C-alpha cells in the first residue's frame, strides 16, 4: 500500500500497485487508464499518485461499475503479473549465472518527470539502466538519495539571465513508499560521520522488476541542519556535496548490508559514490 491514505472501492484496489510501479513510465499501455480516471491531472502531471489523490470518491464509484474500465484494469493487472513472474532474457540465457546482485549507485536517477531526482545526462543514463535491467531481468538494485528539491526549473529574466526555481518534492505525492523493517517500522540507516548521530529514512521506488532505494535525511530526529543534507541535488557548497557523497556511498552500502543482499558487483555512476568502496 502507498504511504498516502486514500481508500478505493474493493475492485479498484490494484490501482495502488499499478501507480507505485514505475513500469508505467516506459510502458504506456496504462496511459488510457489514468486518462479515464482524471485526464486533467494526468495530462498535467503524468503522475498516477496525484491522479488517485485528486479524483473524487464519486468518480471512483462510477468507475467501479464501469465494465469497460474494469476490463482495461484487469488486462493491465494480468499483463503486469506476467511481466514480473515470467523468466526474462537474463534468466533464459544465463540460468546458472553466479551473479546474485549488482548494486548501481548514482547521485541522480532520471526515471520520469513524476520523480524529479535528476539534473541531466547522468541521471537519464542511470534511469535507463534501471529500466533496461528490469526488461532484461538483470539482478540489479539502485541506490540513491531522495531530494527535498530536485532539479530546478529554468526561466530567463528580461535581462537575459538564467533564473532557477526549485519545487518541493512532497514524498506523499510521489510514486514512492517507505521501506519497512521486519518489525513494521520505517527502516532507518544511522551514521556518525558528522560527530553526531544522523538518521536517514529509506524509501522504495519500484521500477518494474528493479528496486530503487533512496536515502532521505529529512527525519524529525535530526538537527535542522542535518535534515537539509538531502535538500537539493548538487545544491550548496563543496562541504554539502561531500556529505551527500558520503551518505550515498557509506550509508548506501550499510543499507544493502542491512537488507542482507548478496552484492557481487558495485557499479558507481561516476565518482560520486566512491565512498562505497571504502565502506565495503
Protein backbone atom coordinates (compact mmCIF):
# COMPACT_ATOMS: atom_id res chain seq x y z
CA UNK A 1 0.00 0.00 0.00
CA UNK A 2 1.22 3.52 -0.70
CA UNK A 3 2.08 5.91 2.09
CA UNK A 4 -0.91 8.19 1.49
CA UNK A 5 -4.32 7.40 2.92
CA UNK A 6 -6.81 7.06 0.09
CA UNK A 7 -9.49 4.40 0.14
CA UNK A 8 -10.75 2.97 -3.12
CA UNK A 9 -13.60 0.59 -3.96
CA UNK A 10 -12.55 -3.00 -3.40
CA UNK A 11 -12.42 -3.87 -7.10
CA UNK A 12 -10.13 -0.87 -7.77
CA UNK A 13 -7.57 -1.61 -5.05
CA UNK A 14 -4.98 -2.78 -7.58
CA UNK A 15 -4.73 0.80 -8.85
CA UNK A 16 -2.39 1.43 -5.90
CA UNK A 17 0.06 -1.24 -7.08
CA UNK A 18 -0.09 -0.05 -10.70
CA UNK A 19 0.56 3.56 -9.65
CA UNK A 20 3.54 2.68 -7.46
CA UNK A 21 5.26 0.56 -10.11
CA UNK A 22 7.19 2.94 -12.37
CA UNK A 23 6.86 0.41 -15.17
CA UNK A 24 4.14 2.75 -16.49
CA UNK A 25 6.82 5.39 -17.17
CA UNK A 26 8.20 3.48 -20.16
CA UNK A 27 5.36 1.10 -20.95
CA UNK A 28 2.49 3.36 -21.91
CA UNK A 29 -0.28 0.77 -22.06
CA UNK A 30 -1.75 2.26 -18.87
CA UNK A 31 -1.93 5.87 -20.16
CA UNK A 32 -5.53 5.35 -21.21
CA UNK A 33 -6.40 4.06 -17.74
CA UNK A 34 -5.09 7.16 -15.94
CA UNK A 35 -6.79 9.40 -18.51
CA UNK A 36 -10.13 7.75 -17.83
CA UNK A 37 -9.70 8.35 -14.11
CA UNK A 38 -8.67 12.01 -14.37
CA UNK A 39 -7.45 13.31 -17.72
CA UNK A 40 -6.71 16.83 -16.46
CA UNK A 41 -4.39 15.67 -13.68
CA UNK A 42 -2.74 13.00 -15.83
CA UNK A 43 -2.04 15.34 -18.75
CA UNK A 44 -0.67 17.97 -16.38
CA UNK A 45 1.49 15.80 -14.12
CA UNK A 46 1.88 12.31 -15.64
CA UNK A 47 1.86 11.13 -12.04
CA UNK A 48 -0.62 8.32 -11.19
CA UNK A 49 -0.27 9.02 -7.47
CA UNK A 50 -1.68 12.52 -7.99
CA UNK A 51 -4.38 11.06 -10.22
CA UNK A 52 -5.51 8.81 -7.36
CA UNK A 53 -5.22 11.55 -4.76
CA UNK A 54 -7.08 14.28 -6.65
CA UNK A 55 -10.00 12.31 -8.06
CA UNK A 56 -13.37 12.33 -6.29
CA UNK A 57 -14.93 9.37 -4.50
CA UNK A 58 -17.99 9.80 -6.69
CA UNK A 59 -15.99 9.26 -9.87
CA UNK A 60 -14.26 6.19 -8.43
CA UNK A 61 -17.67 4.79 -7.50
CA UNK A 62 -18.76 5.23 -11.11
CA UNK A 63 -15.60 3.58 -12.44
CA UNK A 64 -16.10 0.64 -10.06
CA UNK A 65 -19.29 -0.15 -12.03
CA UNK A 66 -17.90 0.62 -15.49
CA UNK A 67 -17.42 -2.71 -17.27
CA UNK A 68 -15.11 -1.27 -19.92
CA UNK A 69 -12.89 0.39 -17.33
CA UNK A 70 -12.74 -2.78 -15.22
CA UNK A 71 -11.86 -4.83 -18.30
CA UNK A 72 -8.96 -2.46 -19.06
CA UNK A 73 -7.82 -2.54 -15.43
CA UNK A 74 -7.84 -6.33 -15.28
CA UNK A 75 -5.98 -6.52 -18.58
CA UNK A 76 -3.23 -4.28 -17.19
CA UNK A 77 -3.08 -6.21 -13.92
CA UNK A 78 -2.65 -9.51 -15.81
CA UNK A 79 -0.01 -8.00 -18.10
CA UNK A 80 1.98 -6.68 -15.14
CA UNK A 81 1.85 -10.02 -13.33
CA UNK A 82 3.04 -11.77 -16.47
CA UNK A 83 5.88 -9.26 -16.85
CA UNK A 84 7.01 -9.73 -13.24
CA UNK A 85 6.66 -13.50 -13.00
CA UNK A 86 7.77 -14.92 -16.35
CA UNK A 87 11.51 -15.53 -16.89
CA UNK A 88 13.14 -12.63 -18.72
CA UNK A 89 16.12 -12.65 -21.09
CA UNK A 90 18.73 -12.99 -18.35
CA UNK A 91 17.01 -15.94 -16.68
CA UNK A 92 16.60 -17.70 -20.03
CA UNK A 93 20.12 -17.06 -21.32
CA UNK A 94 22.04 -17.45 -18.06
CA UNK A 95 20.02 -19.71 -15.76
CA UNK A 96 23.17 -20.78 -13.87
CA UNK A 97 24.83 -17.39 -13.57
CA UNK A 98 26.77 -16.98 -10.29
CA UNK A 99 25.98 -13.23 -10.17
CA UNK A 100 23.47 -12.72 -7.38
CA UNK A 101 23.11 -8.94 -7.29
CA UNK A 102 24.54 -5.79 -8.89
CA UNK A 103 24.23 -2.56 -6.87
CA UNK A 104 24.00 0.57 -9.02
CA UNK A 105 24.97 3.70 -7.05
CA UNK A 106 24.13 7.09 -8.55
CA UNK A 107 23.71 10.65 -7.31
CA UNK A 108 20.65 11.02 -9.55
CA UNK A 109 18.11 8.79 -11.30
CA UNK A 110 16.05 10.08 -14.22
CA UNK A 111 13.14 7.63 -14.25
CA UNK A 112 10.37 10.09 -15.16
CA UNK A 113 9.05 13.60 -14.52
CA UNK A 114 6.89 12.32 -11.66
CA UNK A 115 10.07 11.50 -9.71
CA UNK A 116 12.27 14.60 -10.27
CA UNK A 117 15.56 13.38 -8.83
CA UNK A 118 17.83 14.19 -11.75
CA UNK A 119 19.51 17.13 -13.46
CA UNK A 120 20.74 15.88 -16.81
CA UNK A 121 22.53 13.17 -18.72
CA UNK A 122 23.97 11.32 -15.74
CA UNK A 123 20.52 10.85 -14.26
CA UNK A 124 18.92 9.87 -17.56
CA UNK A 125 21.63 7.26 -18.07
CA UNK A 126 21.01 5.84 -14.59
CA UNK A 127 17.26 5.76 -15.13
CA UNK A 128 17.63 3.98 -18.47
CA UNK A 129 19.94 1.43 -16.85
CA UNK A 130 17.25 0.54 -14.30
CA UNK A 131 14.52 0.29 -16.93
CA UNK A 132 16.67 -1.90 -19.19
CA UNK A 133 17.73 -4.07 -16.26
CA UNK A 134 14.06 -4.59 -15.47
CA UNK A 135 13.19 -5.58 -19.03
CA UNK A 136 16.18 -7.94 -19.26
CA UNK A 137 15.62 -9.40 -15.81
CA UNK A 138 19.09 -8.47 -14.51
CA UNK A 139 19.59 -8.95 -10.75
CA UNK A 140 20.14 -5.25 -10.05
CA UNK A 141 19.16 -2.75 -7.36
CA UNK A 142 19.62 1.03 -7.41
CA UNK A 143 20.87 3.20 -4.54
CA UNK A 144 20.41 6.98 -4.49
CA UNK A 145 19.16 9.96 -2.49
CA UNK A 146 15.67 11.42 -2.14
CA UNK A 147 16.00 15.19 -2.51
CA UNK A 148 13.51 17.59 -0.98
CA UNK A 149 14.12 19.75 -4.07
CA UNK A 150 15.26 18.03 -7.24
CA UNK A 151 16.36 19.72 -10.42
CA UNK A 152 15.49 23.36 -10.86
CA UNK A 153 13.06 24.80 -13.39
CA UNK A 154 14.74 27.28 -15.68
CA UNK A 155 13.42 30.65 -16.80
CA UNK A 156 15.10 33.65 -18.43
CA UNK A 157 14.87 37.15 -16.96
CA UNK A 158 14.25 40.26 -19.06
CA UNK A 159 17.97 40.93 -18.84
CA UNK A 160 18.70 37.50 -20.37
CA UNK A 161 19.97 35.83 -17.20
CA UNK A 162 19.01 32.33 -16.13
CA UNK A 163 16.71 32.13 -13.12
CA UNK A 164 16.28 28.93 -11.14
CA UNK A 165 13.10 27.86 -9.37
CA UNK A 166 13.23 24.85 -7.06
CA UNK A 167 9.97 22.97 -6.43
CA UNK A 168 9.45 20.96 -3.26
CA UNK A 169 9.21 17.21 -3.69
CA UNK A 170 6.35 16.10 -1.45
CA UNK A 171 7.08 12.39 -0.83
CA UNK A 172 3.39 11.77 -0.18
CA UNK A 173 2.62 12.70 -3.79
CA UNK A 174 5.49 10.82 -5.41
CA UNK A 175 5.41 7.19 -6.66
CA UNK A 176 7.31 6.03 -3.56
CA UNK A 177 6.63 4.12 -0.37
CA UNK A 178 8.53 3.90 2.92
CA UNK A 179 10.72 0.82 3.18
CA UNK A 180 9.58 -1.14 6.22
CA UNK A 181 11.77 -3.14 8.57
CA UNK A 182 10.82 -6.62 9.71
CA UNK A 183 9.01 -5.20 12.75
CA UNK A 184 6.91 -2.87 10.59
CA UNK A 185 8.80 0.30 11.49
CA UNK A 186 10.27 2.65 8.90
CA UNK A 187 13.75 1.38 8.02
CA UNK A 188 16.42 3.82 9.20
CA UNK A 189 20.16 3.90 8.49
CA UNK A 190 22.21 5.66 11.17
CA UNK A 191 25.58 7.33 10.72
CA UNK A 192 28.06 9.14 12.97
CA UNK A 193 30.42 10.70 10.42
CA UNK A 194 29.40 14.24 11.46
CA UNK A 195 30.48 13.53 15.08
CA UNK A 196 26.83 13.00 15.97
CA UNK A 197 24.14 10.51 15.08
CA UNK A 198 22.21 11.27 11.91
CA UNK A 199 19.22 9.18 10.78
CA UNK A 200 18.42 8.51 7.15
CA UNK A 201 14.98 7.22 6.23
CA UNK A 202 14.78 4.73 3.38
CA UNK A 203 12.24 4.95 0.57
CA UNK A 204 11.47 2.38 -2.09
CA UNK A 205 10.72 3.13 -5.73
CA UNK A 206 9.59 0.07 -7.69
CA UNK A 207 10.98 0.19 -11.24
CA UNK A 208 9.40 -2.88 -12.79
CA UNK A 209 11.50 -5.82 -11.59
CA UNK A 210 14.14 -3.49 -10.10
CA UNK A 211 14.09 -1.87 -6.67
CA UNK A 212 15.49 1.64 -6.23
CA UNK A 213 16.38 2.54 -2.63
CA UNK A 214 16.53 6.23 -1.74
CA UNK A 215 18.03 7.75 1.44
CA UNK A 216 16.40 10.81 2.98
CA UNK A 217 17.80 12.96 5.82
CA UNK A 218 14.55 14.84 6.49
CA UNK A 219 13.89 12.89 9.69
CA UNK A 220 12.41 14.78 12.68
CA UNK A 221 15.05 13.25 14.97
CA UNK A 222 17.84 15.05 13.11
CA UNK A 223 19.10 18.55 13.75
CA UNK A 224 17.58 21.14 11.36
CA UNK A 225 20.91 21.48 9.55
CA UNK A 226 21.18 17.71 9.14
CA UNK A 227 17.64 17.45 7.81
CA UNK A 228 18.87 19.56 4.91
CA UNK A 229 21.61 17.14 3.85
CA UNK A 230 19.35 15.81 1.09
CA UNK A 231 17.77 19.21 0.47
CA UNK A 232 18.89 19.80 -3.12
CA UNK A 233 20.50 17.84 -5.89
CA UNK A 234 24.01 19.32 -6.34
CA UNK A 235 22.99 22.22 -4.09
CA UNK A 236 25.01 24.11 -1.51
CA UNK A 237 28.79 24.33 -1.38
CA UNK A 238 31.55 21.78 -1.57
CA UNK A 239 31.03 20.67 2.04
CA UNK A 240 27.39 19.70 1.48
CA UNK A 241 28.33 17.94 -1.75
CA UNK A 242 30.96 15.94 0.12
CA UNK A 243 28.47 15.00 2.85
CA UNK A 244 25.93 13.90 0.23
CA UNK A 245 28.52 11.70 -1.44
CA UNK A 246 29.45 10.15 1.91
CA UNK A 247 25.77 9.41 2.55
CA UNK A 248 25.33 7.86 -0.88
CA UNK A 249 28.40 5.64 -0.61
CA UNK A 250 28.72 4.77 3.07
CA UNK A 251 25.07 4.78 4.15
CA UNK A 252 24.07 3.27 0.82
CA UNK A 253 26.35 0.28 1.39
CA UNK A 254 25.18 -0.06 5.00
CA UNK A 255 21.63 -0.21 3.69
CA UNK A 256 22.47 -3.08 1.36
CA UNK A 257 24.09 -4.93 4.26
CA UNK A 258 21.05 -4.32 6.45
CA UNK A 259 18.84 -5.78 3.70
CA UNK A 260 21.13 -8.86 3.61
CA UNK A 261 21.64 -8.51 -0.12
CA UNK A 262 24.48 -10.62 -1.54
CA UNK A 263 26.04 -7.93 -3.74
CA UNK A 264 28.69 -9.26 -6.12
CA UNK A 265 29.26 -6.08 -8.14
CA UNK A 266 29.04 -2.37 -7.29
CA UNK A 267 28.56 -0.07 -10.25
CA UNK A 268 29.48 3.53 -9.37
CA UNK A 269 27.91 6.07 -11.73
CA UNK A 270 30.88 8.47 -11.80
CA UNK A 271 32.91 9.21 -8.67
CA UNK A 272 30.04 10.48 -6.52
CA UNK A 273 29.63 7.09 -4.80
CA UNK A 274 33.35 6.35 -4.35
CA UNK A 275 32.92 6.11 -0.56
CA UNK A 276 31.01 2.87 -1.11
CA UNK A 277 34.31 1.16 -1.94
CA UNK A 278 35.77 2.25 1.44
CA UNK A 279 32.73 1.10 3.41
CA UNK A 280 32.64 -2.18 1.53
